[in-house]
PDB file of N, CA and C in Angstrom:
ATOM      1  N   MET A   1     -28.716 -26.117   1.374  1.00  0.00           N
ATOM      2  CA  MET A   1     -27.668 -25.963   2.129  1.00  0.00           C
ATOM      3  C   MET A   1     -27.197 -24.750   2.111  1.00  0.00           C
ATOM      4  N   ASN A   2     -26.670 -23.927   3.058  1.00  0.00           N
ATOM      5  CA  ASN A   2     -26.103 -22.949   3.280  1.00  0.00           C
ATOM      6  C   ASN A   2     -24.428 -23.146   3.382  1.00  0.00           C
ATOM      7  N   PHE A   3     -24.000 -22.027   2.369  1.00  0.00           N
ATOM      8  CA  PHE A   3     -22.642 -22.041   2.333  1.00  0.00           C
ATOM      9  C   PHE A   3     -21.940 -20.600   2.394  1.00  0.00           C
ATOM     10  N   VAL A   4     -20.678 -20.477   2.570  1.00  0.00           N
ATOM     11  CA  VAL A   4     -20.019 -19.875   2.783  1.00  0.00           C
ATOM     12  C   VAL A   4     -19.077 -19.138   1.592  1.00  0.00           C
ATOM     13  N   VAL A   5     -19.182 -18.031   0.815  1.00  0.00           N
ATOM     14  CA  VAL A   5     -18.210 -18.107  -0.435  1.00  0.00           C
ATOM     15  C   VAL A   5     -17.250 -16.992  -0.412  1.00  0.00           C
ATOM     16  N   GLU A   6     -16.200 -16.801  -0.082  1.00  0.00           N
ATOM     17  CA  GLU A   6     -15.022 -16.321   0.033  1.00  0.00           C
ATOM     18  C   GLU A   6     -14.008 -15.839  -1.166  1.00  0.00           C
ATOM     19  N   PHE A   7     -14.198 -14.683  -1.600  1.00  0.00           N
ATOM     20  CA  PHE A   7     -13.239 -14.506  -3.347  1.00  0.00           C
ATOM     21  C   PHE A   7     -12.407 -13.845  -2.117  1.00  0.00           C
ATOM     22  N   TYR A   8     -11.125 -13.797  -2.947  1.00  0.00           N
ATOM     23  CA  TYR A   8      -9.372 -13.390  -2.375  1.00  0.00           C
ATOM     24  C   TYR A   8      -8.642 -13.208  -3.564  1.00  0.00           C
ATOM     25  N   ARG A   9      -7.770 -12.527  -3.408  1.00  0.00           N
ATOM     26  CA  ARG A   9      -6.124 -12.579  -4.187  1.00  0.00           C
ATOM     27  C   ARG A   9      -5.317 -12.860  -3.311  1.00  0.00           C
ATOM     28  N   SER A  10      -4.401 -13.764  -3.914  1.00  0.00           N
ATOM     29  CA  SER A  10      -2.980 -14.576  -3.440  1.00  0.00           C
ATOM     30  C   SER A  10      -2.320 -13.943  -4.021  1.00  0.00           C
ATOM     31  N   ARG A  11      -0.621 -13.778  -3.519  1.00  0.00           N
ATOM     32  CA  ARG A  11       0.316 -13.622  -3.558  1.00  0.00           C
ATOM     33  C   ARG A  11       1.396 -13.983  -3.042  1.00  0.00           C
ATOM     34  N   ASP A  12       2.083 -15.046  -3.372  1.00  0.00           N
ATOM     35  CA  ASP A  12       2.709 -15.616  -2.761  1.00  0.00           C
ATOM     36  C   ASP A  12       2.378 -16.422  -1.528  1.00  0.00           C
ATOM     37  N   ALA A  13       2.766 -16.015  -0.130  1.00  0.00           N
ATOM     38  CA  ALA A  13       1.854 -16.934   0.746  1.00  0.00           C
ATOM     39  C   ALA A  13       0.720 -15.868   1.300  1.00  0.00           C
ATOM     40  N   ASP A  14       0.828 -14.590   0.768  1.00  0.00           N
ATOM     41  CA  ASP A  14      -0.195 -13.695   1.363  1.00  0.00           C
ATOM     42  C   ASP A  14      -1.599 -14.002   0.967  1.00  0.00           C
ATOM     43  N   GLU A  15      -2.630 -13.686   1.764  1.00  0.00           N
ATOM     44  CA  GLU A  15      -4.405 -13.867   0.474  1.00  0.00           C
ATOM     45  C   GLU A  15      -4.656 -12.408   1.170  1.00  0.00           C
ATOM     46  N   ALA A  16      -5.777 -11.500   0.559  1.00  0.00           N
ATOM     47  CA  ALA A  16      -6.278 -10.619   0.634  1.00  0.00           C
ATOM     48  C   ALA A  16      -7.894 -11.137   0.393  1.00  0.00           C
ATOM     49  N   MET A  17      -8.356 -11.196   1.502  1.00  0.00           N
ATOM     50  CA  MET A  17      -9.861 -11.700   0.954  1.00  0.00           C
ATOM     51  C   MET A  17     -10.641  -9.978   0.623  1.00  0.00           C
ATOM     52  N   LEU A  18     -11.480 -10.342  -0.538  1.00  0.00           N
ATOM     53  CA  LEU A  18     -11.746  -8.852  -1.522  1.00  0.00           C
ATOM     54  C   LEU A  18     -13.708  -8.817  -0.801  1.00  0.00           C
ATOM     55  N   ASP A  19     -14.223 -10.676  -0.534  1.00  0.00           N
ATOM     56  CA  ASP A  19     -15.241 -10.349  -0.167  1.00  0.00           C
ATOM     57  C   ASP A  19     -16.127 -11.750   0.239  1.00  0.00           C
ATOM     58  N   ARG A  20     -17.184 -12.284   1.256  1.00  0.00           N
ATOM     59  CA  ARG A  20     -17.496 -13.350   1.981  1.00  0.00           C
ATOM     60  C   ARG A  20     -18.619 -12.793   1.666  1.00  0.00           C
ATOM     61  N   VAL A  21     -19.566 -13.810   1.056  1.00  0.00           N
ATOM     62  CA  VAL A  21     -20.907 -14.041   0.664  1.00  0.00           C
ATOM     63  C   VAL A  21     -21.434 -15.495   1.138  1.00  0.00           C
ATOM     64  N   SER A  22     -22.551 -15.276   1.694  1.00  0.00           N
ATOM     65  CA  SER A  22     -23.388 -16.409   1.656  1.00  0.00           C
ATOM     66  C   SER A  22     -24.406 -16.715   0.686  1.00  0.00           C
ATOM     67  N   LEU A  23     -24.348 -18.244   0.391  1.00  0.00           N
ATOM     68  CA  LEU A  23     -24.989 -18.606  -0.577  1.00  0.00           C
ATOM     69  C   LEU A  23     -25.841 -19.954  -0.454  1.00  0.00           C
ATOM     70  N   GLU A  24     -27.249 -19.725  -1.111  1.00  0.00           N
ATOM     71  CA  GLU A  24     -27.958 -20.984  -0.450  1.00  0.00           C
ATOM     72  C   GLU A  24     -27.731 -22.258  -2.368  1.00  0.00           C
ATOM     73  N   ALA A  25     -27.313 -23.175  -2.024  1.00  0.00           N
ATOM     74  CA  ALA A  25     -27.360 -24.344  -2.792  1.00  0.00           C
ATOM     75  C   ALA A  25     -27.371 -25.582  -2.577  1.00  0.00           C
ATOM     76  N   PRO A  26     -28.190 -26.616  -3.105  1.00  0.00           N
ATOM     77  CA  PRO A  26     -28.692 -28.023  -2.695  1.00  0.00           C
ATOM     78  C   PRO A  26     -27.026 -28.970  -2.782  1.00  0.00           C
ATOM     79  N   ASN A  27     -26.170 -28.602  -3.441  1.00  0.00           N
ATOM     80  CA  ASN A  27     -24.745 -29.328  -3.415  1.00  0.00           C
ATOM     81  C   ASN A  27     -23.708 -28.365  -3.323  1.00  0.00           C
ATOM     82  N   LEU A  28     -22.568 -28.890  -3.325  1.00  0.00           N
ATOM     83  CA  LEU A  28     -21.327 -28.020  -3.977  1.00  0.00           C
ATOM     84  C   LEU A  28     -20.712 -27.676  -5.252  1.00  0.00           C
ATOM     85  N   ARG A  29     -21.509 -28.510  -5.884  1.00  0.00           N
ATOM     86  CA  ARG A  29     -21.544 -27.847  -7.537  1.00  0.00           C
ATOM     87  C   ARG A  29     -22.567 -26.694  -7.919  1.00  0.00           C
ATOM     88  N   ALA A  30     -23.435 -26.884  -7.582  1.00  0.00           N
ATOM     89  CA  ALA A  30     -24.160 -25.799  -7.314  1.00  0.00           C
ATOM     90  C   ALA A  30     -23.555 -24.592  -6.748  1.00  0.00           C
ATOM     91  N   ALA A  31     -23.166 -24.671  -5.123  1.00  0.00           N
ATOM     92  CA  ALA A  31     -22.260 -23.341  -4.928  1.00  0.00           C
ATOM     93  C   ALA A  31     -21.460 -23.382  -5.715  1.00  0.00           C
ATOM     94  N   LEU A  32     -20.826 -23.667  -6.397  1.00  0.00           N
ATOM     95  CA  LEU A  32     -19.708 -23.672  -7.491  1.00  0.00           C
ATOM     96  C   LEU A  32     -19.726 -22.647  -8.455  1.00  0.00           C
ATOM     97  N   HIS A  33     -20.963 -23.292  -9.100  1.00  0.00           N
ATOM     98  CA  HIS A  33     -21.958 -22.686 -10.165  1.00  0.00           C
ATOM     99  C   HIS A  33     -22.062 -21.172  -9.700  1.00  0.00           C
ATOM    100  N   GLY A  34     -22.885 -21.249  -8.107  1.00  0.00           N
ATOM    101  CA  GLY A  34     -23.134 -19.757  -7.902  1.00  0.00           C
ATOM    102  C   GLY A  34     -22.234 -18.657  -8.012  1.00  0.00           C
ATOM    103  N   ALA A  35     -20.675 -19.214  -7.472  1.00  0.00           N
ATOM    104  CA  ALA A  35     -19.989 -18.615  -7.303  1.00  0.00           C
ATOM    105  C   ALA A  35     -19.617 -18.238  -8.134  1.00  0.00           C
ATOM    106  N   THR A  36     -19.461 -18.840  -9.343  1.00  0.00           N
ATOM    107  CA  THR A  36     -18.774 -18.334 -10.628  1.00  0.00           C
ATOM    108  C   THR A  36     -19.697 -16.978 -10.733  1.00  0.00           C
ATOM    109  N   GLU A  37     -21.140 -16.788 -10.955  1.00  0.00           N
ATOM    110  CA  GLU A  37     -22.083 -15.897 -11.396  1.00  0.00           C
ATOM    111  C   GLU A  37     -21.659 -14.938 -10.297  1.00  0.00           C
ATOM    112  N   LEU A  38     -21.287 -15.170  -9.555  1.00  0.00           N
ATOM    113  CA  LEU A  38     -20.843 -13.446  -8.040  1.00  0.00           C
ATOM    114  C   LEU A  38     -19.827 -13.423  -8.491  1.00  0.00           C
ATOM    115  N   PHE A  39     -19.216 -14.125  -8.854  1.00  0.00           N
ATOM    116  CA  PHE A  39     -17.537 -13.723  -9.267  1.00  0.00           C
ATOM    117  C   PHE A  39     -18.014 -12.741 -10.579  1.00  0.00           C
ATOM    118  N   ARG A  40     -18.737 -13.065 -11.635  1.00  0.00           N
ATOM    119  CA  ARG A  40     -18.987 -11.806 -12.741  1.00  0.00           C
ATOM    120  C   ARG A  40     -19.818 -10.957 -12.386  1.00  0.00           C
ATOM    121  N   SER A  41     -20.876 -10.602 -11.165  1.00  0.00           N
ATOM    122  CA  SER A  41     -22.035 -10.232 -10.906  1.00  0.00           C
ATOM    123  C   SER A  41     -21.265  -8.937  -9.854  1.00  0.00           C
ATOM    124  N   LEU A  42     -20.501  -9.215  -9.052  1.00  0.00           N
ATOM    125  CA  LEU A  42     -20.459  -8.168  -7.730  1.00  0.00           C
ATOM    126  C   LEU A  42     -19.054  -7.933  -8.147  1.00  0.00           C
ATOM    127  N   ALA A  43     -19.393  -6.389  -7.254  1.00  0.00           N
ATOM    128  CA  ALA A  43     -18.431  -5.101  -7.871  1.00  0.00           C
ATOM    129  C   ALA A  43     -17.598  -5.380  -6.317  1.00  0.00           C
ATOM    130  N   MET A  44     -16.385  -6.000  -6.355  1.00  0.00           N
ATOM    131  CA  MET A  44     -15.106  -6.176  -5.677  1.00  0.00           C
ATOM    132  C   MET A  44     -13.666  -4.910  -5.902  1.00  0.00           C
ATOM    133  N   PRO A  45     -12.972  -4.259  -5.182  1.00  0.00           N
ATOM    134  CA  PRO A  45     -12.199  -3.642  -5.124  1.00  0.00           C
ATOM    135  C   PRO A  45     -11.087  -4.509  -5.916  1.00  0.00           C
ATOM    136  N   GLN A  46     -11.029  -5.426  -6.413  1.00  0.00           N
ATOM    137  CA  GLN A  46      -9.763  -6.018  -7.239  1.00  0.00           C
ATOM    138  C   GLN A  46     -10.466  -7.397  -7.661  1.00  0.00           C
ATOM    139  N   VAL A  47      -9.966  -7.571  -8.710  1.00  0.00           N
ATOM    140  CA  VAL A  47     -10.074  -9.236  -9.089  1.00  0.00           C
ATOM    141  C   VAL A  47      -9.886 -10.147  -8.650  1.00  0.00           C
ATOM    142  N   PRO A  48     -10.740 -10.950  -8.524  1.00  0.00           N
ATOM    143  CA  PRO A  48      -9.785 -12.207  -7.332  1.00  0.00           C
ATOM    144  C   PRO A  48      -9.549 -13.121  -7.958  1.00  0.00           C
ATOM    145  N   ASP A  49      -8.579 -13.700  -7.609  1.00  0.00           N
ATOM    146  CA  ASP A  49      -7.956 -14.937  -8.455  1.00  0.00           C
ATOM    147  C   ASP A  49      -8.497 -16.352  -7.857  1.00  0.00           C
ATOM    148  N   ARG A  50      -8.980 -16.244  -6.811  1.00  0.00           N
ATOM    149  CA  ARG A  50      -9.200 -17.628  -5.955  1.00  0.00           C
ATOM    150  C   ARG A  50     -10.629 -17.566  -5.345  1.00  0.00           C
ATOM    151  N   LEU A  51     -11.017 -18.299  -4.685  1.00  0.00           N
ATOM    152  CA  LEU A  51     -11.671 -18.847  -4.226  1.00  0.00           C
ATOM    153  C   LEU A  51     -12.132 -19.649  -3.211  1.00  0.00           C
ATOM    154  N   ARG A  52     -12.715 -19.541  -2.246  1.00  0.00           N
ATOM    155  CA  ARG A  52     -13.092 -20.473  -1.227  1.00  0.00           C
ATOM    156  C   ARG A  52     -14.424 -20.956  -0.489  1.00  0.00           C
ATOM    157  N   ILE A  53     -15.142 -22.144  -0.630  1.00  0.00           N
ATOM    158  CA  ILE A  53     -16.244 -22.505  -0.485  1.00  0.00           C
ATOM    159  C   ILE A  53     -16.550 -23.197   1.062  1.00  0.00           C
ATOM    160  N   SER A  54     -16.928 -22.568   2.137  1.00  0.00           N
ATOM    161  CA  SER A  54     -17.271 -23.382   2.916  1.00  0.00           C
ATOM    162  C   SER A  54     -18.778 -23.636   3.631  1.00  0.00           C
ATOM    163  N   ASP A  55     -19.015 -24.603   3.711  1.00  0.00           N
ATOM    164  CA  ASP A  55     -20.150 -25.299   4.986  1.00  0.00           C
ATOM    165  C   ASP A  55     -20.585 -24.001   6.297  1.00  0.00           C
ATOM    166  N   GLU A  56     -21.423 -24.300   6.281  1.00  0.00           N
ATOM    167  CA  GLU A  56     -22.208 -22.892   7.330  1.00  0.00           C
ATOM    168  C   GLU A  56     -21.468 -23.177   8.563  1.00  0.00           C
ATOM    169  N   ASP A  57     -20.267 -24.320   9.082  1.00  0.00           N
ATOM    170  CA  ASP A  57     -20.216 -24.567  10.520  1.00  0.00           C
ATOM    171  C   ASP A  57     -18.783 -24.189  10.030  1.00  0.00           C
ATOM    172  N   GLY A  58     -18.102 -23.698   9.360  1.00  0.00           N
ATOM    173  CA  GLY A  58     -16.558 -23.226   8.858  1.00  0.00           C
ATOM    174  C   GLY A  58     -15.786 -24.330   7.934  1.00  0.00           C
ATOM    175  N   SER A  59     -16.256 -25.570   7.518  1.00  0.00           N
ATOM    176  CA  SER A  59     -15.577 -26.727   7.199  1.00  0.00           C
ATOM    177  C   SER A  59     -15.125 -26.312   5.617  1.00  0.00           C
ATOM    178  N   GLU A  60     -13.851 -25.811   5.336  1.00  0.00           N
ATOM    179  CA  GLU A  60     -13.442 -25.874   3.761  1.00  0.00           C
ATOM    180  C   GLU A  60     -13.782 -26.680   2.986  1.00  0.00           C
ATOM    181  N   LEU A  61     -14.628 -26.630   1.986  1.00  0.00           N
ATOM    182  CA  LEU A  61     -14.952 -27.736   1.300  1.00  0.00           C
ATOM    183  C   LEU A  61     -14.555 -27.676  -0.426  1.00  0.00           C
ATOM    184  N   TYR A  62     -14.181 -26.389  -0.796  1.00  0.00           N
ATOM    185  CA  TYR A  62     -13.448 -26.038  -1.964  1.00  0.00           C
ATOM    186  C   TYR A  62     -12.532 -24.919  -1.790  1.00  0.00           C
ATOM    187  N   ALA A  63     -11.509 -25.176  -2.713  1.00  0.00           N
ATOM    188  CA  ALA A  63     -10.197 -23.803  -2.895  1.00  0.00           C
ATOM    189  C   ALA A  63      -9.981 -23.814  -3.943  1.00  0.00           C
ATOM    190  N   GLY A  64      -9.863 -22.967  -4.462  1.00  0.00           N
ATOM    191  CA  GLY A  64      -9.473 -23.269  -5.905  1.00  0.00           C
ATOM    192  C   GLY A  64      -9.583 -21.894  -7.355  1.00  0.00           C
ATOM    193  N   PRO A  65      -9.261 -22.114  -8.262  1.00  0.00           N
ATOM    194  CA  PRO A  65      -9.237 -20.643  -9.126  1.00  0.00           C
ATOM    195  C   PRO A  65     -10.638 -20.137  -9.289  1.00  0.00           C
ATOM    196  N   ALA A  66     -10.938 -18.562  -9.295  1.00  0.00           N
ATOM    197  CA  ALA A  66     -11.780 -17.712  -9.259  1.00  0.00           C
ATOM    198  C   ALA A  66     -12.337 -18.010 -10.570  1.00  0.00           C
ATOM    199  N   ASP A  67     -12.009 -19.079 -11.225  1.00  0.00           N
ATOM    200  CA  ASP A  67     -12.934 -19.059 -12.900  1.00  0.00           C
ATOM    201  C   ASP A  67     -13.687 -20.322 -13.080  1.00  0.00           C
ATOM    202  N   GLY A  68     -13.950 -20.263 -11.820  1.00  0.00           N
ATOM    203  CA  GLY A  68     -15.106 -21.928 -11.566  1.00  0.00           C
ATOM    204  C   GLY A  68     -14.856 -22.592 -12.311  1.00  0.00           C
ATOM    205  N   ALA A  69     -13.301 -23.040 -12.376  1.00  0.00           N
ATOM    206  CA  ALA A  69     -13.000 -24.706 -12.693  1.00  0.00           C
ATOM    207  C   ALA A  69     -13.396 -25.415 -11.845  1.00  0.00           C
ATOM    208  N   TYR A  70     -14.330 -26.842 -12.743  1.00  0.00           N
ATOM    209  CA  TYR A  70     -14.980 -27.816 -11.410  1.00  0.00           C
ATOM    210  C   TYR A  70     -13.967 -28.823 -11.250  1.00  0.00           C
ATOM    211  N   PRO A  71     -13.613 -28.848  -9.474  1.00  0.00           N
ATOM    212  CA  PRO A  71     -13.089 -29.902  -9.687  1.00  0.00           C
ATOM    213  C   PRO A  71     -13.735 -31.150  -9.668  1.00  0.00           C
ATOM    214  N   ALA A  72     -12.807 -32.543 -10.238  1.00  0.00           N
ATOM    215  CA  ALA A  72     -13.027 -33.779 -10.449  1.00  0.00           C
ATOM    216  C   ALA A  72     -14.264 -34.390  -9.467  1.00  0.00           C
ATOM    217  N   ASP A  73     -14.119 -34.383  -8.169  1.00  0.00           N
ATOM    218  CA  ASP A  73     -14.981 -34.662  -7.218  1.00  0.00           C
ATOM    219  C   ASP A  73     -16.230 -34.048  -6.828  1.00  0.00           C
ATOM    220  N   ALA A  74     -16.403 -32.843  -7.090  1.00  0.00           N
ATOM    221  CA  ALA A  74     -17.685 -32.376  -6.639  1.00  0.00           C
ATOM    222  C   ALA A  74     -19.085 -32.424  -7.357  1.00  0.00           C
TER     223      ALA A  74
END
């Protein structure tokens, strides 16, 4: 399945997207693991504090901390 991972910084109600990456993974848990690896390896202008994972249709599947904390239901 193709996922879209967005890394961003949030301050109050404002968000600044730092990077958007397509990621192929079999399920959401694997996509979150891949996003964690990307967090460590991508050179971004700032350190992101949040990430969002969407499916290829744009439906949000996960939004949370960029440290790779797994959601209980993933």
